C-alpha atoms as a PDB file:
ATOM      1  CA  MET A   1     -20.035  82.456 -17.108  1.00  0.00           C
ATOM      2  CA  ALA A   2     -20.366  78.690 -16.847  1.00  0.00           C
ATOM      3  CA  ALA A   3     -17.959  76.363 -18.589  1.00  0.00           C
ATOM      4  CA  ALA A   4     -19.117  73.584 -20.901  1.00  0.00           C
ATOM      5  CA  GLY A   5     -20.662  70.758 -18.929  1.00  0.00           C
ATOM      6  CA  GLU A   6     -20.741  72.737 -15.659  1.00  0.00           C
ATOM      7  CA  ARG A   7     -23.897  72.152 -13.638  1.00  0.00           C
ATOM      8  CA  LEU A   8     -25.949  75.002 -12.274  1.00  0.00           C
ATOM      9  CA  SER A   9     -28.803  74.544  -9.839  1.00  0.00           C
ATOM     10  CA  GLY A  10     -32.469  74.833 -10.768  1.00  0.00           C
ATOM     11  CA  LYS A  11     -35.776  73.987  -9.098  1.00  0.00           C
ATOM     12  CA  LYS A  12     -36.156  70.562 -10.727  1.00  0.00           C
ATOM     13  CA  GLY A  13     -33.038  68.753 -11.830  1.00  0.00           C
ATOM     14  CA  GLY A  14     -29.849  70.523 -12.841  1.00  0.00           C
ATOM     15  CA  TRP A  15     -28.793  72.716 -15.722  1.00  0.00           C
ATOM     16  CA  THR A  16     -25.879  72.275 -18.074  1.00  0.00           C
ATOM     17  CA  VAL A  17     -24.202  74.290 -20.773  1.00  0.00           C
ATOM     18  CA  ALA A  18     -24.809  72.122 -23.824  1.00  0.00           C
ATOM     19  CA  ALA A  19     -21.767  73.341 -25.694  1.00  0.00           C
ATOM     20  CA  VAL A  20     -21.281  70.228 -27.818  1.00  0.00           C
ATOM     21  CA  GLU A  21     -24.464  70.659 -29.853  1.00  0.00           C
ATOM     22  CA  GLN A  22     -25.521  74.220 -29.236  1.00  0.00           C
ATOM     23  CA  LEU A  23     -22.346  76.306 -29.182  1.00  0.00           C
ATOM     24  CA  ASN A  24     -21.628  77.879 -32.532  1.00  0.00           C
ATOM     25  CA  ILE A  25     -18.753  80.309 -32.076  1.00  0.00           C
ATOM     26  CA  SER A  26     -18.521  81.111 -35.784  1.00  0.00           C
ATOM     27  CA  ALA A  27     -22.086  82.430 -35.719  1.00  0.00           C
ATOM     28  CA  GLY A  28     -21.326  84.447 -32.587  1.00  0.00           C
ATOM     29  CA  ARG A  29     -23.992  82.728 -30.510  1.00  0.00           C
ATOM     30  CA  MET A  30     -23.716  82.241 -26.783  1.00  0.00           C
ATOM     31  CA  PRO A  31     -23.900  78.692 -25.402  1.00  0.00           C
ATOM     32  CA  ALA A  32     -27.459  77.650 -24.598  1.00  0.00           C
ATOM     33  CA  ILE A  33     -28.396  76.387 -21.161  1.00  0.00           C
ATOM     34  CA  THR A  34     -30.351  73.142 -21.301  1.00  0.00           C
ATOM     35  CA  LYS A  35     -32.544  71.751 -18.538  1.00  0.00           C
ATOM     36  CA  LEU A  36     -31.527  68.310 -17.256  1.00  0.00           C
ATOM     37  CA  PHE A  37     -34.153  65.784 -16.187  1.00  0.00           C
ATOM     38  CA  SER A  38     -33.608  62.500 -14.382  1.00  0.00           C
ATOM     39  CA  ALA A  39     -35.162  59.316 -15.777  1.00  0.00           C
ATOM     40  CA  VAL A  40     -37.333  59.160 -12.660  1.00  0.00           C
ATOM     41  CA  GLU A  41     -38.647  62.672 -13.278  1.00  0.00           C
ATOM     42  CA  VAL A  42     -39.414  61.897 -16.940  1.00  0.00           C
ATOM     43  CA  ALA A  43     -41.260  58.735 -15.894  1.00  0.00           C
ATOM     44  CA  LEU A  44     -43.682  60.862 -13.836  1.00  0.00           C
ATOM     45  CA  HIS A  45     -44.957  62.535 -17.015  1.00  0.00           C
ATOM     46  CA  ASN A  46     -46.755  59.518 -18.458  1.00  0.00           C
ATOM     47  CA  THR A  47     -50.324  60.588 -19.128  1.00  0.00           C
ATOM     48  CA  ARG A  48     -52.186  61.909 -22.158  1.00  0.00           C
ATOM     49  CA  GLU A  49     -52.389  65.346 -20.545  1.00  0.00           C
ATOM     50  CA  ASP A  50     -48.712  65.367 -19.554  1.00  0.00           C
ATOM     51  CA  CYS A  51     -46.775  63.295 -22.083  1.00  0.00           C
ATOM     52  CA  TRP A  52     -42.971  63.379 -22.137  1.00  0.00           C
ATOM     53  CA  ILE A  53     -40.751  61.126 -24.214  1.00  0.00           C
ATOM     54  CA  VAL A  54     -36.996  60.737 -24.574  1.00  0.00           C
ATOM     55  CA  VAL A  55     -35.421  60.440 -28.018  1.00  0.00           C
ATOM     56  CA  GLU A  56     -31.647  60.221 -28.374  1.00  0.00           C
ATOM     57  CA  GLY A  57     -31.076  61.623 -24.889  1.00  0.00           C
ATOM     58  CA  LYS A  58     -33.336  64.654 -25.308  1.00  0.00           C
ATOM     59  CA  VAL A  59     -36.602  65.146 -23.429  1.00  0.00           C
ATOM     60  CA  TYR A  60     -39.673  66.237 -25.383  1.00  0.00           C
ATOM     61  CA  ASP A  61     -43.064  67.389 -24.084  1.00  0.00           C
ATOM     62  CA  VAL A  62     -45.352  66.129 -26.846  1.00  0.00           C
ATOM     63  CA  SER A  63     -48.640  66.548 -24.952  1.00  0.00           C
ATOM     64  CA  SER A  64     -49.963  69.150 -27.390  1.00  0.00           C
ATOM     65  CA  TYR A  65     -48.981  67.073 -30.446  1.00  0.00           C
ATOM     66  CA  LEU A  66     -50.752  63.801 -29.649  1.00  0.00           C
ATOM     67  CA  ASP A  67     -53.913  64.586 -31.652  1.00  0.00           C
ATOM     68  CA  GLU A  68     -51.882  65.733 -34.666  1.00  0.00           C
ATOM     69  CA  HIS A  69     -49.514  62.741 -34.859  1.00  0.00           C
ATOM     70  CA  PRO A  70     -50.061  61.004 -38.227  1.00  0.00           C
ATOM     71  CA  GLY A  71     -49.514  57.549 -36.705  1.00  0.00           C
ATOM     72  CA  GLY A  72     -52.092  58.163 -33.996  1.00  0.00           C
ATOM     73  CA  ASP A  73     -51.632  59.094 -30.359  1.00  0.00           C
ATOM     74  CA  ASP A  74     -51.434  55.487 -29.161  1.00  0.00           C
ATOM     75  CA  VAL A  75     -47.998  55.081 -30.767  1.00  0.00           C
ATOM     76  CA  ILE A  76     -46.610  57.900 -28.637  1.00  0.00           C
ATOM     77  CA  LEU A  77     -48.581  56.950 -25.523  1.00  0.00           C
ATOM     78  CA  GLU A  78     -46.948  53.498 -25.524  1.00  0.00           C
ATOM     79  CA  THR A  79     -43.579  55.115 -24.820  1.00  0.00           C
ATOM     80  CA  THR A  80     -44.611  58.084 -22.733  1.00  0.00           C
ATOM     81  CA  GLY A  81     -42.365  58.661 -19.747  1.00  0.00           C
ATOM     82  CA  LYS A  82     -39.725  56.381 -21.281  1.00  0.00           C
ATOM     83  CA  ASP A  83     -36.986  56.278 -23.898  1.00  0.00           C
ATOM     84  CA  ALA A  84     -38.732  56.258 -27.284  1.00  0.00           C
ATOM     85  CA  THR A  85     -35.566  56.326 -29.399  1.00  0.00           C
ATOM     86  CA  GLU A  86     -35.947  52.792 -30.763  1.00  0.00           C
ATOM     87  CA  GLY A  87     -39.571  53.286 -31.775  1.00  0.00           C
ATOM     88  CA  PHE A  88     -38.836  56.696 -33.284  1.00  0.00           C
ATOM     89  CA  GLU A  89     -35.942  55.342 -35.343  1.00  0.00           C
ATOM     90  CA  ASP A  90     -37.827  52.202 -36.405  1.00  0.00           C
ATOM     91  CA  ALA A  91     -40.667  54.333 -37.788  1.00  0.00           C
ATOM     92  CA  GLY A  92     -38.263  55.971 -40.239  1.00  0.00           C
ATOM     93  CA  HIS A  93     -39.274  59.565 -39.554  1.00  0.00           C
ATOM     94  CA  SER A  94     -38.468  62.178 -42.200  1.00  0.00           C
ATOM     95  CA  LYS A  95     -36.224  65.202 -41.790  1.00  0.00           C
ATOM     96  CA  ASP A  96     -39.361  67.342 -41.391  1.00  0.00           C
ATOM     97  CA  ALA A  97     -40.602  65.100 -38.576  1.00  0.00           C
ATOM     98  CA  ARG A  98     -37.239  65.406 -36.826  1.00  0.00           C
ATOM     99  CA  GLU A  99     -37.355  69.203 -37.162  1.00  0.00           C
ATOM    100  CA  LEU A 100     -40.897  69.228 -35.772  1.00  0.00           C
ATOM    101  CA  LEU A 101     -39.800  67.033 -32.851  1.00  0.00           C
ATOM    102  CA  ALA A 102     -37.031  69.547 -32.062  1.00  0.00           C
ATOM    103  CA  THR A 103     -39.673  72.222 -31.423  1.00  0.00           C
ATOM    104  CA  PHE A 104     -40.988  70.155 -28.485  1.00  0.00           C
ATOM    105  CA  CYS A 105     -37.582  69.766 -26.819  1.00  0.00           C
ATOM    106  CA  ILE A 106     -37.606  70.854 -23.161  1.00  0.00           C
ATOM    107  CA  GLY A 107     -34.221  69.527 -22.077  1.00  0.00           C
ATOM    108  CA  GLU A 108     -31.942  66.536 -21.873  1.00  0.00           C
ATOM    109  CA  ILE A 109     -31.830  63.353 -19.853  1.00  0.00           C
ATOM    110  CA  ASP A 110     -29.343  63.511 -16.999  1.00  0.00           C
ATOM    111  CA  THR A 111     -27.065  60.536 -17.535  1.00  0.00           C
ATOM    112  CA  SER A 112     -25.192  61.218 -14.301  1.00  0.00           C
ATOM    113  CA  ALA A 113     -28.334  60.642 -12.221  1.00  0.00           C
ATOM    114  CA  PRO A 114     -29.152  57.044 -11.287  1.00  0.00           C
ATOM    115  CA  SER A 115     -31.916  55.560 -13.457  1.00  0.00           C
ATOM    116  CA  THR A 116     -33.591  53.973 -10.452  1.00  0.00           C
ATOM    117  CA  PRO A 117     -34.304  55.719  -7.187  1.00  0.00           C
ATOM    118  CA  GLU A 118     -32.038  54.851  -4.318  1.00  0.00           C
ATOM    119  CA  LEU A 119     -33.442  52.586  -1.644  1.00  0.00           C
ATOM    120  CA  GLU A 120     -34.191  54.212   1.645  1.00  0.00           C
ATOM    121  CA  ILE A 121     -32.825  52.545   4.732  1.00  0.00           C
ATOM    122  CA  SER A 122     -35.571  52.124   7.296  1.00  0.00           C
ATOM    123  CA  SER A 123     -34.949  53.076  10.858  1.00  0.00           C
ATOM    124  CA  GLU A 124     -35.495  50.572  13.670  1.00  0.00           C
ATOM    125  CA  GLY A 125     -38.642  52.478  14.675  1.00  0.00           C
ATOM    126  CA  GLN A 126     -40.175  51.953  11.216  1.00  0.00           C
ATOM    127  CA  LEU A 127     -39.328  48.248  11.314  1.00  0.00           C
ATOM    128  CA  THR A 128     -40.954  47.902  14.711  1.00  0.00           C
ATOM    129  CA  CYS A 129     -44.080  49.586  13.364  1.00  0.00           C
ATOM    130  CA  SER A 130     -44.166  47.197  10.387  1.00  0.00           C
ATOM    131  CA  ARG A 131     -43.732  44.182  12.649  1.00  0.00           C
ATOM    132  CA  LYS A 132     -46.527  45.420  14.919  1.00  0.00           C
ATOM    133  CA  ASN A 133     -48.871  45.826  11.928  1.00  0.00           C
ATOM    134  CA  LEU A 134     -48.056  42.303  10.780  1.00  0.00           C
ATOM    135  CA  MET A 135     -48.711  40.887  14.238  1.00  0.00           C
ATOM    136  CA  ASP A 136     -52.039  42.750  14.441  1.00  0.00           C
ATOM    137  CA  LEU A 137     -53.113  41.236  11.116  1.00  0.00           C
ATOM    138  CA  THR A 138     -52.093  37.777  12.281  1.00  0.00           C
ATOM    139  CA  LYS A 139     -54.130  38.141  15.469  1.00  0.00           C
ATOM    140  CA  GLN A 140     -57.180  39.369  13.556  1.00  0.00           C
ATOM    141  CA  TYR A 141     -57.342  36.647  10.945  1.00  0.00           C
ATOM    142  CA  TRP A 142     -56.418  33.533  12.954  1.00  0.00           C
ATOM    143  CA  ALA A 143     -60.030  32.364  12.921  1.00  0.00           C
ATOM    144  CA  VAL A 144     -60.164  31.732   9.160  1.00  0.00           C
ATOM    145  CA  PRO A 145     -57.487  28.991   9.030  1.00  0.00           C
ATOM    146  CA  VAL A 146     -58.822  27.468  12.261  1.00  0.00           C
ATOM    147  CA  ALA A 147     -62.332  27.351  10.787  1.00  0.00           C
ATOM    148  CA  VAL A 148     -61.064  25.712   7.563  1.00  0.00           C
ATOM    149  CA  VAL A 149     -59.181  23.057   9.561  1.00  0.00           C
ATOM    150  CA  GLY A 150     -62.211  22.500  11.827  1.00  0.00           C
ATOM    151  CA  ILE A 151     -64.592  22.072   8.908  1.00  0.00           C
ATOM    152  CA  SER A 152     -62.139  19.697   7.209  1.00  0.00           C
ATOM    153  CA  VAL A 153     -61.942  17.553  10.365  1.00  0.00           C
ATOM    154  CA  VAL A 154     -65.737  17.403  10.702  1.00  0.00           C
ATOM    155  CA  VAL A 155     -66.243  16.511   7.016  1.00  0.00           C
ATOM    156  CA  GLY A 156     -63.518  13.859   7.237  1.00  0.00           C
ATOM    157  CA  PHE A 157     -65.046  12.408  10.394  1.00  0.00           C
ATOM    158  CA  LEU A 158     -68.515  12.262   8.825  1.00  0.00           C
ATOM    159  CA  TYR A 159     -67.120  10.646   5.672  1.00  0.00           C
ATOM    160  CA  LEU A 160     -65.264   7.962   7.616  1.00  0.00           C
ATOM    161  CA  ARG A 161     -68.261   7.313   9.871  1.00  0.00           C
ATOM    162  CA  LYS A 162     -70.465   6.570   6.836  1.00  0.00           C
ATOM    163  CA  LYS A 163     -68.180   3.757   5.722  1.00  0.00           C
END
């Protein structure tokens, strides 16, 4: 049995025992396991067909609710793939709306994961390839600046000759 807060592995992201909110010993319920999603993973679900939002640290898949939203789907689509807590709170949603939102919960945001992807360090071979591509471009397009300078010289010469 996993202890509260212990991470278990899953295919996408990690899992955690969400004992703080979901453990109710007096009711005799077992702790629920909640899926954890990174901010980067949530950001990938940003289309009308695949619409995830984050409200108060929980991840919701609201794709099937867009057409039914009383405020219109554009309100939700503005925050899809992002933290929508501020917009949700500012709208002053009722208790019923909050209960309805809970039915779309698919997990929680993983606060231990970095919010931005780590930079990859390029190997020397990749840098050499990039430099070669840049040099190839430079060799290909040298004629354009030379032509502009040449035309400018000719026009300047003709202008001065007229005077």
